[in-house]
Amino acid sequence: MDIFMTIILGIIGALIGGVVSTALGFGKVDGFNIYSIGIATVGSIIALFVIHKIRACKQS
């Protein structure tokens, strides 16, 4: 996977992390603060992990 796709997946993961955290009642993710950065980072890591696992299964 090239760097462009990794960046796009990271952004998508950050958006998903924000939506999920809001839906679970952790509060609204807004602005530029440490809480928002943490949620975006966790969402991105999970999205990238899932995509890499899916691609690894397809190659096997």
Protein backbone atom coordinates (compact mmCIF):
# COMPACT_ATOMS: atom_id res chain seq x y z
CA MET A 1 0.00 0.00 0.00
CA ASP A 2 1.42 3.34 -0.94
CA ILE A 3 1.57 6.40 1.30
CA PHE A 4 -1.41 8.08 -0.36
CA MET A 5 -3.73 5.17 0.45
CA THR A 6 -2.41 5.04 4.02
CA ILE A 7 -3.20 8.72 4.48
CA ILE A 8 -6.71 8.29 3.05
CA LEU A 9 -7.38 5.29 5.30
CA GLY A 10 -6.09 7.24 8.28
CA ILE A 11 -8.48 10.10 7.58
CA ILE A 12 -11.40 7.72 7.12
CA GLY A 13 -10.48 5.95 10.35
CA ALA A 14 -10.36 9.27 12.20
CA LEU A 15 -13.84 10.15 10.97
CA ILE A 16 -15.18 6.74 11.93
CA GLY A 17 -13.53 7.02 15.35
CA GLY A 18 -15.28 10.35 15.92
CA VAL A 19 -18.67 9.00 14.89
CA VAL A 20 -18.33 5.86 17.03
CA SER A 21 -17.15 7.75 20.10
CA THR A 22 -20.06 10.18 19.80
CA ALA A 23 -22.53 7.32 19.32
CA LEU A 24 -21.18 5.50 22.39
CA GLY A 25 -21.67 8.61 24.49
CA PHE A 26 -18.05 9.62 25.04
CA GLY A 27 -18.97 13.14 24.07
CA LYS A 28 -18.76 15.16 20.94
CA VAL A 29 -15.46 15.29 19.13
CA ASP A 30 -14.96 18.88 18.10
CA GLY A 31 -12.14 21.32 17.84
CA PHE A 32 -8.44 20.73 18.13
CA ASN A 33 -7.75 19.28 21.56
CA ILE A 34 -6.01 16.24 23.01
CA TYR A 35 -9.28 14.30 23.35
CA SER A 36 -10.15 14.73 19.66
CA ILE A 37 -6.62 13.83 18.61
CA GLY A 38 -6.74 10.67 20.76
CA ILE A 39 -10.07 9.52 19.32
CA ALA A 40 -8.89 10.20 15.76
CA THR A 41 -5.65 8.31 16.38
CA VAL A 42 -7.41 5.27 17.83
CA GLY A 43 -9.91 5.22 14.96
CA SER A 44 -7.12 5.46 12.40
CA ILE A 45 -5.08 2.70 13.99
CA ILE A 46 -8.08 0.37 14.07
CA ALA A 47 -8.99 1.11 10.43
CA LEU A 48 -5.43 0.57 9.23
CA PHE A 49 -5.12 -2.64 11.26
CA VAL A 50 -8.33 -4.06 9.76
CA ILE A 51 -7.33 -3.18 6.20
CA HIS A 52 -3.87 -4.69 6.61
CA LYS A 53 -5.36 -7.91 8.03
CA ILE A 54 -7.84 -8.15 5.14
CA ARG A 55 -5.07 -7.65 2.60
CA ALA A 56 -2.87 -10.24 4.35
CA CYS A 57 -5.68 -12.82 4.21
CA LYS A 58 -6.22 -12.19 0.50
CA GLN A 59 -2.52 -12.75 -0.25
CA SER A 60 -2.39 -16.06 1.60
